[in-house]
Amino acid sequence: MRITFFKLLTMTITVLGFTVTAMDSDAARDIIDRDVVDLDTVQDSIAKTNTPDMLDKPEAAPEDAPVKPEKAAVAKVTIAEVDMDYVEANLKKTTGVKATVVNALKEGDMIEESIRIPADADDKVISDKLKDKKAEIIVHCWNPKCNAGMTLAERLVGLGYTNVKHYKGGIAEWTANKKPITKSK
């Protein structure tokens, strides 16, 4: 296992080829709590190192492997790209659970039925609006050149949300195709 700290705020855990990055110690603890790795194992690994930066420590021998193989399989979280049709089909669902569509911009028009969480929102604002970390979340911003949507999507993954998707077409594509919006006031 290799544990790497960047600026003492980012923790990357690589176990059996899977990598998870946590943006702060609370997110790292949340990843650990979800059985990605065992907290005692991480603390033991930290205690055994002589260097404060903990970079590129050697892999443990198989008999000393600190993580149970059945726990390692859940470590990889990715952000899938979705298109306008996917978002629209989700909003038209009449059965099952709809994804939460999130506009990452501070102001402007909104995809109908979406919520606004700016990319730079406080973690508390995010957790207040998105309570279920396993629920499907589709994040977007203005257009493919706007990075607010992907920035928020990456933050969500860092905070422990496990089903995050990114709609890069954003409001520009949505309105160009005359899809329903809520006008900004």
C-alpha atoms as a PDB file:
ATOM      1  CA  MET A   1       0.000   0.000   0.000  1.00  0.00           C
ATOM      2  CA  ARG A   2       1.184   3.525  -0.746  1.00  0.00           C
ATOM      3  CA  ILE A   3      -0.164   6.566   1.062  1.00  0.00           C
ATOM      4  CA  THR A   4       0.765   9.987  -0.271  1.00  0.00           C
ATOM      5  CA  PHE A   5       0.049  13.382   1.268  1.00  0.00           C
ATOM      6  CA  PHE A   6       0.026  16.590  -0.782  1.00  0.00           C
ATOM      7  CA  LYS A   7       0.200  19.803   1.268  1.00  0.00           C
ATOM      8  CA  LEU A   8      -1.004  17.707   4.232  1.00  0.00           C
ATOM      9  CA  LEU A   9      -4.598  18.207   3.023  1.00  0.00           C
ATOM     10  CA  THR A  10      -4.882  15.681   0.216  1.00  0.00           C
ATOM     11  CA  MET A  11      -4.595  11.951   0.844  1.00  0.00           C
ATOM     12  CA  THR A  12      -4.240   9.444  -1.970  1.00  0.00           C
ATOM     13  CA  ILE A  13      -4.665   5.795  -1.094  1.00  0.00           C
ATOM     14  CA  THR A  14      -3.628   3.163  -3.631  1.00  0.00           C
ATOM     15  CA  VAL A  15      -4.617  -0.410  -2.839  1.00  0.00           C
ATOM     16  CA  LEU A  16      -4.257  -3.277  -5.314  1.00  0.00           C
ATOM     17  CA  GLY A  17      -4.265  -0.902  -8.272  1.00  0.00           C
ATOM     18  CA  PHE A  18      -7.215   1.252  -7.151  1.00  0.00           C
ATOM     19  CA  THR A  19      -6.669   4.900  -6.209  1.00  0.00           C
ATOM     20  CA  VAL A  20      -8.819   7.249  -4.157  1.00  0.00           C
ATOM     21  CA  THR A  21      -7.940  10.862  -3.390  1.00  0.00           C
ATOM     22  CA  ALA A  22      -9.486  12.641  -0.419  1.00  0.00           C
ATOM     23  CA  MET A  23      -9.332  16.427  -0.222  1.00  0.00           C
ATOM     24  CA  ASP A  24      -9.119  16.626   3.594  1.00  0.00           C
ATOM     25  CA  SER A  25      -8.871  14.433   6.655  1.00  0.00           C
ATOM     26  CA  ASP A  26     -12.677  14.204   7.070  1.00  0.00           C
ATOM     27  CA  ALA A  27     -13.072  12.980   3.483  1.00  0.00           C
ATOM     28  CA  ALA A  28     -10.206  10.537   4.012  1.00  0.00           C
ATOM     29  CA  ARG A  29     -11.887   9.249   7.169  1.00  0.00           C
ATOM     30  CA  ASP A  30     -15.177   8.895   5.229  1.00  0.00           C
ATOM     31  CA  ILE A  31     -13.384   6.818   2.575  1.00  0.00           C
ATOM     32  CA  ILE A  32     -11.885   4.675   5.310  1.00  0.00           C
ATOM     33  CA  ASP A  33     -15.293   4.347   7.012  1.00  0.00           C
ATOM     34  CA  ARG A  34     -16.737   2.998   3.753  1.00  0.00           C
ATOM     35  CA  ASP A  35     -14.330   0.030   4.097  1.00  0.00           C
ATOM     36  CA  VAL A  36     -11.865   1.117   1.439  1.00  0.00           C
ATOM     37  CA  VAL A  37      -9.078   0.683   3.960  1.00  0.00           C
ATOM     38  CA  ASP A  38      -8.900   0.186   7.684  1.00  0.00           C
ATOM     39  CA  LEU A  39      -8.159   3.310   9.789  1.00  0.00           C
ATOM     40  CA  ASP A  40      -5.816   1.389  12.102  1.00  0.00           C
ATOM     41  CA  THR A  41      -3.884   0.171   9.063  1.00  0.00           C
ATOM     42  CA  VAL A  42      -3.475   3.725   7.780  1.00  0.00           C
ATOM     43  CA  GLN A  43      -2.382   4.975  11.205  1.00  0.00           C
ATOM     44  CA  ASP A  44       0.063   2.060  11.547  1.00  0.00           C
ATOM     45  CA  SER A  45       1.484   2.834   8.088  1.00  0.00           C
ATOM     46  CA  ILE A  46       1.914   6.478   9.048  1.00  0.00           C
ATOM     47  CA  ALA A  47       3.605   5.544  12.336  1.00  0.00           C
ATOM     48  CA  LYS A  48       6.091   3.204  10.605  1.00  0.00           C
ATOM     49  CA  THR A  49       7.484   5.825   8.251  1.00  0.00           C
ATOM     50  CA  ASN A  50      10.479   7.989   9.128  1.00  0.00           C
ATOM     51  CA  THR A  51       9.790  10.750   6.593  1.00  0.00           C
ATOM     52  CA  PRO A  52       7.125  13.404   7.098  1.00  0.00           C
ATOM     53  CA  ASP A  53       6.063  13.555   3.462  1.00  0.00           C
ATOM     54  CA  MET A  54       5.441   9.786   3.167  1.00  0.00           C
ATOM     55  CA  LEU A  55       6.151   9.727  -0.560  1.00  0.00           C
ATOM     56  CA  ASP A  56       6.624   6.479  -2.476  1.00  0.00           C
ATOM     57  CA  LYS A  57       6.848   4.044   0.395  1.00  0.00           C
ATOM     58  CA  PRO A  58       7.462   0.455  -0.763  1.00  0.00           C
ATOM     59  CA  GLU A  59       4.569  -1.942  -1.205  1.00  0.00           C
ATOM     60  CA  ALA A  60       3.949  -4.313   1.713  1.00  0.00           C
ATOM     61  CA  ALA A  61       4.905  -7.935   1.245  1.00  0.00           C
ATOM     62  CA  PRO A  62       1.871 -10.163   0.495  1.00  0.00           C
ATOM     63  CA  GLU A  63       1.938 -11.773   3.949  1.00  0.00           C
ATOM     64  CA  ASP A  64       2.001  -8.304   5.517  1.00  0.00           C
ATOM     65  CA  ALA A  65      -0.704  -6.874   3.229  1.00  0.00           C
ATOM     66  CA  PRO A  66      -2.542  -4.293   5.365  1.00  0.00           C
ATOM     67  CA  VAL A  67      -5.814  -4.363   3.401  1.00  0.00           C
ATOM     68  CA  LYS A  68      -8.190  -7.252   2.951  1.00  0.00           C
ATOM     69  CA  PRO A  69      -8.713  -7.913  -0.800  1.00  0.00           C
ATOM     70  CA  GLU A  70     -12.511  -7.760  -0.503  1.00  0.00           C
ATOM     71  CA  LYS A  71     -12.235  -4.169   0.740  1.00  0.00           C
ATOM     72  CA  ALA A  72      -9.969  -2.946  -2.063  1.00  0.00           C
ATOM     73  CA  ALA A  73     -12.524  -3.438  -4.847  1.00  0.00           C
ATOM     74  CA  VAL A  74     -14.610  -0.422  -3.763  1.00  0.00           C
ATOM     75  CA  ALA A  75     -11.768   2.089  -3.890  1.00  0.00           C
ATOM     76  CA  LYS A  76     -12.187   3.468  -7.434  1.00  0.00           C
ATOM     77  CA  VAL A  77     -14.657   6.331  -7.961  1.00  0.00           C
ATOM     78  CA  THR A  78     -14.901   7.938 -11.392  1.00  0.00           C
ATOM     79  CA  ILE A  79     -16.879  10.826 -12.853  1.00  0.00           C
ATOM     80  CA  ALA A  80     -18.836   9.650 -15.895  1.00  0.00           C
ATOM     81  CA  GLU A  81     -19.638  12.079 -18.721  1.00  0.00           C
ATOM     82  CA  VAL A  82     -23.317  12.184 -19.708  1.00  0.00           C
ATOM     83  CA  ASP A  83     -25.047  13.938 -22.605  1.00  0.00           C
ATOM     84  CA  MET A  84     -28.160  16.087 -22.917  1.00  0.00           C
ATOM     85  CA  ASP A  85     -30.362  13.092 -23.756  1.00  0.00           C
ATOM     86  CA  TYR A  86     -29.287  11.332 -20.563  1.00  0.00           C
ATOM     87  CA  VAL A  87     -30.111  14.394 -18.440  1.00  0.00           C
ATOM     88  CA  GLU A  88     -33.450  14.906 -20.183  1.00  0.00           C
ATOM     89  CA  ALA A  89     -34.435  11.238 -19.822  1.00  0.00           C
ATOM     90  CA  ASN A  90     -33.591  11.401 -16.127  1.00  0.00           C
ATOM     91  CA  LEU A  91     -35.757  14.501 -15.629  1.00  0.00           C
ATOM     92  CA  LYS A  92     -38.686  12.791 -17.391  1.00  0.00           C
ATOM     93  CA  LYS A  93     -38.567   9.705 -15.157  1.00  0.00           C
ATOM     94  CA  THR A  94     -41.917   8.873 -13.637  1.00  0.00           C
ATOM     95  CA  THR A  95     -40.761   5.818 -11.698  1.00  0.00           C
ATOM     96  CA  GLY A  96     -37.682   5.180  -9.654  1.00  0.00           C
ATOM     97  CA  VAL A  97     -35.370   7.765  -8.176  1.00  0.00           C
ATOM     98  CA  LYS A  98     -34.363  10.760 -10.265  1.00  0.00           C
ATOM     99  CA  ALA A  99     -30.818  12.020 -10.156  1.00  0.00           C
ATOM    100  CA  THR A 100     -30.219  15.414  -8.615  1.00  0.00           C
ATOM    101  CA  VAL A 101     -29.148  17.841 -11.358  1.00  0.00           C
ATOM    102  CA  VAL A 102     -26.778  20.467  -9.948  1.00  0.00           C
ATOM    103  CA  ASN A 103     -25.858  23.796 -11.564  1.00  0.00           C
ATOM    104  CA  ALA A 104     -22.312  24.698 -10.431  1.00  0.00           C
ATOM    105  CA  LEU A 105     -22.614  28.376 -11.418  1.00  0.00           C
ATOM    106  CA  LYS A 106     -23.260  31.215  -8.941  1.00  0.00           C
ATOM    107  CA  GLU A 107     -26.062  32.753 -11.014  1.00  0.00           C
ATOM    108  CA  GLY A 108     -27.944  32.499 -14.278  1.00  0.00           C
ATOM    109  CA  ASP A 109     -30.611  30.318 -15.840  1.00  0.00           C
ATOM    110  CA  MET A 110     -31.144  26.807 -14.510  1.00  0.00           C
ATOM    111  CA  ILE A 111     -32.147  23.507 -16.062  1.00  0.00           C
ATOM    112  CA  GLU A 112     -35.704  22.989 -14.860  1.00  0.00           C
ATOM    113  CA  GLU A 113     -35.841  20.951 -11.621  1.00  0.00           C
ATOM    114  CA  SER A 114     -32.130  21.472 -10.940  1.00  0.00           C
ATOM    115  CA  ILE A 115     -30.568  22.946  -7.813  1.00  0.00           C
ATOM    116  CA  ARG A 116     -27.718  25.428  -7.532  1.00  0.00           C
ATOM    117  CA  ILE A 117     -24.515  24.657  -5.659  1.00  0.00           C
ATOM    118  CA  PRO A 118     -21.659  26.927  -6.791  1.00  0.00           C
ATOM    119  CA  ALA A 119     -18.346  25.153  -7.384  1.00  0.00           C
ATOM    120  CA  ASP A 120     -16.783  27.140  -4.535  1.00  0.00           C
ATOM    121  CA  ALA A 121     -19.595  26.459  -2.021  1.00  0.00           C
ATOM    122  CA  ASP A 122     -18.683  25.519   1.540  1.00  0.00           C
ATOM    123  CA  ASP A 123     -18.680  21.806   2.350  1.00  0.00           C
ATOM    124  CA  LYS A 124     -21.586  22.395   4.763  1.00  0.00           C
ATOM    125  CA  VAL A 125     -23.715  23.930   1.984  1.00  0.00           C
ATOM    126  CA  ILE A 126     -22.973  20.877  -0.161  1.00  0.00           C
ATOM    127  CA  SER A 127     -23.815  18.374   2.573  1.00  0.00           C
ATOM    128  CA  ASP A 128     -27.004  20.279   3.471  1.00  0.00           C
ATOM    129  CA  LYS A 129     -28.250  20.130  -0.128  1.00  0.00           C
ATOM    130  CA  LEU A 130     -26.941  16.655  -1.023  1.00  0.00           C
ATOM    131  CA  LYS A 131     -27.634  14.393   1.923  1.00  0.00           C
ATOM    132  CA  ASP A 132     -27.314  10.958   0.259  1.00  0.00           C
ATOM    133  CA  LYS A 133     -23.706  10.282  -0.763  1.00  0.00           C
ATOM    134  CA  LYS A 134     -24.761   7.246  -2.839  1.00  0.00           C
ATOM    135  CA  ALA A 135     -27.476   9.039  -4.858  1.00  0.00           C
ATOM    136  CA  GLU A 136     -26.925   9.872  -8.525  1.00  0.00           C
ATOM    137  CA  ILE A 137     -25.787  13.478  -9.005  1.00  0.00           C
ATOM    138  CA  ILE A 138     -25.399  15.168 -12.418  1.00  0.00           C
ATOM    139  CA  VAL A 139     -23.296  18.328 -12.283  1.00  0.00           C
ATOM    140  CA  HIS A 140     -23.108  20.952 -15.051  1.00  0.00           C
ATOM    141  CA  CYS A 141     -22.130  24.560 -15.679  1.00  0.00           C
ATOM    142  CA  TRP A 142     -22.344  26.837 -18.746  1.00  0.00           C
ATOM    143  CA  ASN A 143     -20.665  24.927 -21.610  1.00  0.00           C
ATOM    144  CA  PRO A 144     -17.749  22.551 -22.338  1.00  0.00           C
ATOM    145  CA  LYS A 145     -15.203  25.379 -21.876  1.00  0.00           C
ATOM    146  CA  CYS A 146     -16.523  26.174 -18.376  1.00  0.00           C
ATOM    147  CA  ASN A 147     -14.728  24.215 -15.646  1.00  0.00           C
ATOM    148  CA  ALA A 148     -17.053  24.948 -12.702  1.00  0.00           C
ATOM    149  CA  GLY A 149     -19.068  21.755 -13.281  1.00  0.00           C
ATOM    150  CA  MET A 150     -16.060  19.442 -13.290  1.00  0.00           C
ATOM    151  CA  THR A 151     -14.524  21.321 -10.359  1.00  0.00           C
ATOM    152  CA  LEU A 152     -17.662  20.701  -8.292  1.00  0.00           C
ATOM    153  CA  ALA A 153     -17.897  17.084  -9.496  1.00  0.00           C
ATOM    154  CA  GLU A 154     -14.320  16.436  -8.338  1.00  0.00           C
ATOM    155  CA  ARG A 155     -15.048  18.093  -4.986  1.00  0.00           C
ATOM    156  CA  LEU A 156     -18.103  15.875  -4.534  1.00  0.00           C
ATOM    157  CA  VAL A 157     -16.035  12.751  -5.146  1.00  0.00           C
ATOM    158  CA  GLY A 158     -13.449  14.063  -2.666  1.00  0.00           C
ATOM    159  CA  LEU A 159     -16.242  14.520  -0.113  1.00  0.00           C
ATOM    160  CA  GLY A 160     -17.309  10.891  -0.516  1.00  0.00           C
ATOM    161  CA  TYR A 161     -20.135  11.080  -3.078  1.00  0.00           C
ATOM    162  CA  THR A 162     -19.949   7.894  -5.133  1.00  0.00           C
ATOM    163  CA  ASN A 163     -22.331   8.358  -8.084  1.00  0.00           C
ATOM    164  CA  VAL A 164     -21.289  11.681  -9.629  1.00  0.00           C
ATOM    165  CA  LYS A 165     -21.747  12.405 -13.334  1.00  0.00           C
ATOM    166  CA  HIS A 166     -20.796  15.452 -15.427  1.00  0.00           C
ATOM    167  CA  TYR A 167     -22.936  17.015 -18.178  1.00  0.00           C
ATOM    168  CA  LYS A 168     -20.393  19.143 -20.027  1.00  0.00           C
ATOM    169  CA  GLY A 169     -22.864  20.580 -22.584  1.00  0.00           C
ATOM    170  CA  GLY A 170     -24.345  22.666 -19.789  1.00  0.00           C
ATOM    171  CA  ILE A 171     -26.897  25.463 -19.978  1.00  0.00           C
ATOM    172  CA  ALA A 172     -25.619  26.635 -23.383  1.00  0.00           C
ATOM    173  CA  GLU A 173     -26.418  23.307 -25.079  1.00  0.00           C
ATOM    174  CA  TRP A 174     -29.637  22.887 -23.077  1.00  0.00           C
ATOM    175  CA  THR A 175     -31.069  26.289 -24.105  1.00  0.00           C
ATOM    176  CA  ALA A 176     -29.837  26.000 -27.707  1.00  0.00           C
ATOM    177  CA  ASN A 177     -31.997  22.872 -27.968  1.00  0.00           C
ATOM    178  CA  LYS A 178     -34.976  24.647 -26.394  1.00  0.00           C
ATOM    179  CA  LYS A 179     -35.105  22.414 -23.329  1.00  0.00           C
ATOM    180  CA  PRO A 180     -37.051  23.642 -20.269  1.00  0.00           C
ATOM    181  CA  ILE A 181     -35.245  26.115 -18.015  1.00  0.00           C
ATOM    182  CA  THR A 182     -35.973  28.241 -15.008  1.00  0.00           C
ATOM    183  CA  LYS A 183     -35.073  31.854 -15.814  1.00  0.00           C
ATOM    184  CA  SER A 184     -32.727  33.713 -13.538  1.00  0.00           C
ATOM    185  CA  LYS A 185     -34.322  36.597 -11.616  1.00  0.00           C
END
